[in-house]
Protein backbone atom coordinates (compact mmCIF):
# COMPACT_ATOMS: atom_id res chain seq x y z
CA MET A 1 -52.62 -109.00 -147.45
CA ASP A 2 -48.96 -108.48 -147.95
CA SER A 3 -49.34 -104.71 -148.34
CA ASN A 4 -51.45 -104.55 -145.15
CA GLN A 5 -48.72 -106.34 -143.26
CA ASP A 6 -46.11 -104.00 -144.72
CA GLN A 7 -48.17 -100.99 -143.67
CA LEU A 8 -48.59 -102.49 -140.20
CA VAL A 9 -44.85 -103.08 -139.88
CA ILE A 10 -44.12 -99.54 -141.08
CA SER A 11 -46.67 -98.14 -138.65
CA LEU A 12 -45.21 -100.12 -135.76
CA LYS A 13 -41.71 -99.04 -136.71
CA GLU A 14 -42.76 -95.37 -136.77
CA LYS A 15 -44.46 -95.72 -133.41
CA MET A 16 -41.37 -97.39 -131.93
CA GLU A 17 -39.19 -94.57 -133.26
CA ASP A 18 -41.58 -92.04 -131.69
CA ILE A 19 -41.44 -93.90 -128.38
CA VAL A 20 -37.62 -94.05 -128.48
CA ALA A 21 -37.49 -90.30 -129.23
CA MET A 22 -39.86 -89.58 -126.35
CA LEU A 23 -37.76 -91.76 -124.04
CA GLU A 24 -34.57 -89.93 -125.00
CA LYS A 25 -36.27 -86.59 -124.46
CA SER A 26 -37.56 -87.73 -121.07
CA GLU A 27 -34.10 -88.93 -120.02
CA GLU A 28 -32.58 -85.61 -121.08
CA GLU A 29 -35.22 -83.69 -119.14
CA ARG A 30 -34.68 -85.96 -116.13
CA GLY A 31 -30.95 -85.18 -116.23
CA LYS A 32 -31.65 -81.45 -116.32
CA LEU A 33 -34.08 -81.77 -113.42
CA GLN A 34 -31.55 -83.72 -111.38
CA LYS A 35 -28.93 -81.02 -111.95
CA GLU A 36 -31.44 -78.34 -110.96
CA LYS A 37 -32.39 -80.33 -107.86
CA SER A 38 -28.74 -80.60 -106.84
CA LYS A 39 -28.25 -76.88 -107.38
CA LEU A 40 -31.35 -76.04 -105.34
CA SER A 41 -30.33 -78.44 -102.56
CA GLU A 42 -26.96 -76.72 -102.33
CA GLN A 43 -28.67 -73.33 -102.20
CA VAL A 44 -30.93 -74.56 -99.39
CA LYS A 45 -27.89 -75.78 -97.44
CA LEU A 46 -26.15 -72.42 -97.86
CA LYS A 47 -29.28 -70.53 -96.83
CA THR A 48 -29.72 -72.78 -93.81
CA VAL A 49 -26.14 -72.15 -92.70
CA ALA A 50 -26.58 -68.41 -93.20
CA PHE A 51 -29.86 -68.47 -91.30
CA GLU A 52 -28.30 -70.34 -88.37
CA GLU A 53 -25.43 -67.85 -88.29
CA LEU A 54 -27.87 -64.94 -88.26
CA GLU A 55 -29.88 -66.58 -85.47
CA ARG A 56 -26.70 -67.01 -83.43
CA ARG A 57 -25.71 -63.40 -84.01
CA TYR A 58 -29.23 -62.25 -83.13
CA GLU A 59 -29.15 -64.14 -79.84
CA THR A 60 -25.73 -62.65 -79.07
CA LEU A 61 -27.05 -59.18 -79.85
CA LYS A 62 -30.07 -59.72 -77.62
CA LEU A 63 -27.79 -60.82 -74.80
CA ALA A 64 -25.52 -57.80 -75.28
CA LYS A 65 -28.50 -55.45 -75.27
CA ALA A 66 -29.88 -57.13 -72.18
CA ILE A 67 -26.56 -56.72 -70.38
CA LEU A 68 -26.22 -53.08 -71.42
CA GLY A 69 -29.92 -52.34 -71.05
CA SER A 70 -31.93 -51.12 -68.16
CA SER A 71 -32.42 -52.88 -64.84
CA ASP A 72 -35.69 -54.30 -66.19
CA ASN A 73 -33.69 -56.44 -68.56
CA SER A 74 -31.03 -57.37 -66.01
CA HIS A 75 -33.07 -60.36 -64.82
CA ASP A 76 -33.28 -61.69 -68.39
CA ALA A 77 -29.56 -61.07 -68.83
CA LYS A 78 -28.75 -63.00 -65.66
CA ILE A 79 -30.89 -65.91 -66.80
CA LYS A 80 -29.17 -65.98 -70.19
CA VAL A 81 -25.71 -65.72 -68.66
CA ASN A 82 -26.53 -68.57 -66.27
CA ARG A 83 -27.78 -70.69 -69.19
CA ILE A 84 -24.59 -70.02 -71.12
CA MET A 85 -22.49 -70.87 -68.07
CA ARG A 86 -24.34 -74.19 -67.68
CA GLU A 87 -23.67 -74.98 -71.34
CA ILE A 88 -19.97 -74.18 -70.87
CA ASP A 89 -19.86 -76.37 -67.77
CA LYS A 90 -21.43 -79.24 -69.73
CA CYS A 91 -18.86 -78.84 -72.48
CA ILE A 92 -16.00 -78.86 -69.99
CA ALA A 93 -17.44 -81.96 -68.32
CA LEU A 94 -17.66 -83.72 -71.69
CA LEU A 95 -14.06 -82.79 -72.47
CA ASN A 96 -12.86 -84.20 -69.14
CA HIS A 97 -14.30 -87.65 -69.83
């Protein structure tokens, strides 16, 4: 019986060592994934900022084309200019409070 117990102890010890090795490997992989996640999150932030800047520039370009465009677009240009003026007025009102 003593040799069976020794074999059982050895088997349990080997399994525990395997489990510890797997845990260490999992923790290492988790660390790598967290670094990659941080990197990707930063890239998403940068892309979002760039996208918002491009949207703003696109809207400005559309407004400039509408102002310089034909009389068909003059109504759209007036609407956009009025919207911008209202936004400026709101900002001035907020600054005065």
